[in-house]
Amino acid sequence: MTPDVPASPGAGKNDKSAQQHLYRLNPTPKQGYELVLTLQDAPGPFKKMGWSALYQAKGCNYVVNDFAGVRGEPEHTVELPFTERPDDSFAATVYLDAMLDEDYYGNGVCKWQMVRVGAGVMATGAPVESSFRASLQPDQVLAEKPVQLYFLKRYYPMSESGGVASLGSLTRERYLERDRGHLFSMTLTPGKVQP
């Protein structure tokens, strides 16, 4: 027997995106971290960039489909504004407590956690181009140490198959020996924002 979990009012039960109107941002977040992105040995210019943080409320669920008994857990992506700095790096601020913990479905308070934050870059943003994505998990943000990821230069501006999303590797050794001299890196450096 499964617990009775109400559907959100006014949302289509099989439409996950219809849940988004329920979720609210914390009006007074306090756990802020500045992330600085540095690119090294880039294969060319990146004219398209986006930053975002993904939040999930584990253990808090809603009905997706009554008949099938399918339930979903809330998740929400927050787009982060960023700035270019004089040293050609980029910076954005993420809040670990950006989402408001509330009782969205009548079964108790949903506790949000950030599960991933990062930046993605593309040559111009065309759909056929490769996107290069560097991200951090919460423990990496809290450690406040730089995380460097390596990417294949030959995927810029696009791979042979087109539209590849590259997540990089923490080590050069993950790549074939012939490719190790043809890599660029994206480094994310987190630092706590002082109130």
Protein backbone atom coordinates (compact mmCIF):
# COMPACT_ATOMS: atom_id res chain seq x y z
CA MET A 1 0.00 0.00 0.00
CA THR A 2 1.37 3.43 -0.90
CA PRO A 3 0.74 6.55 1.17
CA ASP A 4 -1.88 8.97 -0.03
CA VAL A 5 -0.02 11.76 -1.80
CA PRO A 6 -2.09 14.62 -3.16
CA ALA A 7 -1.55 16.03 -6.59
CA SER A 8 -0.77 19.69 -6.80
CA PRO A 9 -3.84 21.84 -7.34
CA GLY A 10 -4.27 23.01 -10.89
CA ALA A 11 -1.35 20.96 -12.25
CA GLY A 12 -1.67 18.23 -14.84
CA LYS A 13 -0.79 15.03 -13.04
CA ASN A 14 1.39 13.71 -15.84
CA ASP A 15 3.17 16.99 -16.47
CA LYS A 16 6.25 17.46 -14.30
CA SER A 17 6.71 21.02 -15.53
CA ALA A 18 3.23 21.89 -14.26
CA GLN A 19 4.58 21.51 -10.71
CA GLN A 20 7.06 24.37 -11.15
CA HIS A 21 4.56 27.11 -10.28
CA LEU A 22 4.39 25.75 -6.73
CA TYR A 23 8.07 26.06 -5.88
CA ARG A 24 9.28 29.32 -4.40
CA LEU A 25 12.67 30.85 -3.92
CA ASN A 26 13.86 31.60 -0.41
CA PRO A 27 13.47 35.40 0.02
CA THR A 28 16.38 35.52 2.51
CA PRO A 29 19.02 32.92 1.54
CA LYS A 30 22.13 32.93 3.72
CA GLN A 31 24.39 30.14 2.43
CA GLY A 32 25.99 31.92 -0.52
CA TYR A 33 29.06 30.86 -2.49
CA GLU A 34 30.74 32.71 -5.31
CA LEU A 35 31.92 30.44 -8.11
CA VAL A 36 34.69 31.63 -10.40
CA LEU A 37 35.10 29.95 -13.80
CA THR A 38 38.49 30.10 -15.50
CA LEU A 39 39.13 28.68 -18.98
CA GLN A 40 42.66 27.66 -19.93
CA ASP A 41 43.95 26.86 -23.45
CA ALA A 42 40.46 27.33 -24.93
CA PRO A 43 40.28 26.19 -28.58
CA GLY A 44 38.44 29.36 -29.64
CA PRO A 45 35.97 31.95 -28.37
CA PHE A 46 32.89 30.97 -26.38
CA LYS A 47 30.10 33.42 -27.12
CA LYS A 48 27.32 31.49 -25.37
CA MET A 49 27.43 30.83 -21.63
CA GLY A 50 24.86 29.85 -19.04
CA TRP A 51 24.98 29.10 -15.33
CA SER A 52 22.42 27.15 -13.31
CA ALA A 53 21.87 25.25 -10.07
CA LEU A 54 19.67 22.17 -9.71
CA TYR A 55 17.72 21.63 -6.49
CA GLN A 56 15.79 18.54 -5.41
CA ALA A 57 13.46 17.79 -2.51
CA LYS A 58 14.19 14.11 -1.84
CA GLY A 59 11.56 12.14 0.02
CA CYS A 60 8.88 14.68 -0.82
CA ASN A 61 6.65 13.44 -3.62
CA TYR A 62 3.53 14.13 -5.61
CA VAL A 63 1.23 12.03 -7.79
CA VAL A 64 2.24 11.97 -11.44
CA ASN A 65 -0.30 9.35 -12.53
CA ASP A 66 -3.11 8.03 -10.27
CA PHE A 67 -3.81 4.96 -12.38
CA ALA A 68 -0.20 3.78 -12.53
CA GLY A 69 0.62 4.91 -8.99
CA VAL A 70 3.55 6.93 -10.27
CA ARG A 71 5.03 9.59 -8.04
CA GLY A 72 7.63 12.25 -8.68
CA GLU A 73 10.02 14.18 -6.48
CA PRO A 74 10.21 17.96 -6.82
CA GLU A 75 13.17 19.44 -8.63
CA HIS A 76 13.82 22.95 -9.79
CA THR A 77 16.54 24.61 -11.83
CA VAL A 78 17.57 28.15 -10.98
CA GLU A 79 19.33 30.14 -13.70
CA LEU A 80 22.21 32.15 -12.23
CA PRO A 81 23.28 35.59 -13.44
CA PHE A 82 27.01 35.86 -14.04
CA THR A 83 29.60 38.53 -14.71
CA GLU A 84 32.81 38.65 -16.71
CA ARG A 85 35.76 39.80 -14.64
CA PRO A 86 38.77 41.88 -15.76
CA ASP A 87 41.02 38.78 -15.76
CA ASP A 88 38.74 37.07 -18.35
CA SER A 89 37.25 34.75 -15.73
CA PHE A 90 33.52 34.61 -14.99
CA ALA A 91 31.68 34.62 -11.66
CA ALA A 92 28.25 33.69 -10.35
CA THR A 93 26.78 33.34 -6.88
CA VAL A 94 24.85 30.25 -5.83
CA TYR A 95 22.87 29.82 -2.62
CA LEU A 96 22.67 26.35 -1.10
CA ASP A 97 19.42 27.47 0.57
CA ALA A 98 17.93 29.20 -2.50
CA MET A 99 14.68 27.21 -2.38
CA LEU A 100 11.99 27.78 0.25
CA ASP A 101 11.23 24.71 2.39
CA GLU A 102 7.42 24.46 2.51
CA ASP A 103 4.58 21.96 2.72
CA TYR A 104 3.77 21.96 -1.00
CA TYR A 105 1.55 18.86 -1.04
CA GLY A 106 -0.02 18.61 2.45
CA ASN A 107 2.31 15.82 3.64
CA GLY A 108 4.88 17.81 5.56
CA VAL A 109 7.64 20.25 4.73
CA CYS A 110 9.66 19.54 1.60
CA LYS A 111 13.37 20.04 2.33
CA TRP A 112 15.30 21.28 -0.69
CA GLN A 113 18.95 20.52 -1.37
CA MET A 114 21.21 21.78 -4.10
CA VAL A 115 22.51 18.77 -6.01
CA ARG A 116 24.58 20.43 -8.75
CA VAL A 117 25.74 23.87 -9.87
CA GLY A 118 27.81 24.88 -12.84
CA ALA A 119 28.36 26.61 -16.13
CA GLY A 120 28.08 25.58 -19.76
CA VAL A 121 29.78 27.19 -22.74
CA MET A 122 29.33 26.94 -26.52
CA ALA A 123 31.05 28.61 -29.47
CA THR A 124 27.92 30.53 -30.57
CA GLY A 125 24.96 28.59 -29.15
CA ALA A 126 23.91 26.86 -32.39
CA PRO A 127 22.14 23.52 -31.71
CA VAL A 128 24.70 21.52 -33.73
CA GLU A 129 27.60 22.74 -31.60
CA SER A 130 29.20 20.96 -28.69
CA SER A 131 28.47 22.24 -25.22
CA PHE A 132 31.13 22.01 -22.54
CA ARG A 133 29.78 21.80 -19.00
CA ALA A 134 31.63 22.13 -15.72
CA SER A 135 29.70 21.47 -12.53
CA LEU A 136 30.18 20.97 -8.81
CA GLN A 137 28.31 18.90 -6.26
CA PRO A 138 27.53 20.36 -2.80
CA ASP A 139 30.54 18.73 -1.09
CA GLN A 140 32.85 20.30 -3.69
CA VAL A 141 31.29 23.72 -3.12
CA LEU A 142 31.67 23.39 0.66
CA ALA A 143 35.32 22.31 0.31
CA GLU A 144 36.09 25.71 -1.29
CA LYS A 145 38.87 24.22 -3.43
CA PRO A 146 39.33 24.62 -7.21
CA VAL A 147 38.01 21.78 -9.38
CA GLN A 148 39.64 21.52 -12.81
CA LEU A 149 37.97 19.59 -15.63
CA TYR A 150 39.60 18.68 -18.95
CA PHE A 151 37.86 18.68 -22.34
CA LEU A 152 38.80 17.61 -25.87
CA LYS A 153 39.64 20.55 -28.10
CA ARG A 154 38.61 18.62 -31.22
CA TYR A 155 34.96 18.81 -30.12
CA TYR A 156 35.09 22.59 -30.64
CA PRO A 157 33.00 24.05 -32.18
CA MET A 158 31.29 20.72 -32.87
CA SER A 159 32.08 17.02 -32.96
CA GLU A 160 31.61 14.87 -36.05
CA SER A 161 28.24 13.71 -34.72
CA GLY A 162 27.22 17.27 -33.71
CA GLY A 163 25.40 18.49 -30.62
CA VAL A 164 27.62 16.69 -28.08
CA ALA A 165 27.40 17.62 -24.40
CA SER A 166 30.82 17.15 -22.84
CA LEU A 167 31.07 16.94 -19.05
CA GLY A 168 34.86 16.76 -18.99
CA SER A 169 37.14 14.68 -16.80
CA LEU A 170 39.00 15.38 -13.57
CA THR A 171 42.16 13.81 -15.03
CA ARG A 172 43.98 13.95 -18.36
CA GLU A 173 44.57 10.20 -18.07
CA ARG A 174 40.91 9.49 -18.86
CA TYR A 175 41.65 10.44 -22.46
CA LEU A 176 43.60 8.44 -25.02
CA GLU A 177 47.30 9.24 -24.96
CA ARG A 178 47.14 10.82 -28.42
CA ASP A 179 44.50 13.31 -27.16
CA ARG A 180 46.21 14.37 -23.91
CA GLY A 181 48.15 17.14 -25.60
CA HIS A 182 44.97 18.52 -27.17
CA LEU A 183 42.88 19.40 -24.14
CA PHE A 184 41.59 22.60 -22.59
CA SER A 185 40.34 23.06 -19.07
CA MET A 186 37.55 24.73 -17.15
CA THR A 187 38.22 25.37 -13.47
CA LEU A 188 35.48 26.21 -10.97
CA THR A 189 36.67 27.80 -7.73
CA PRO A 190 34.07 28.20 -4.97
CA GLY A 191 34.36 30.63 -2.08
CA LYS A 192 31.94 31.47 0.71
CA VAL A 193 30.20 34.83 0.42
CA GLN A 194 30.66 36.81 3.62
CA PRO A 195 27.42 38.34 4.95
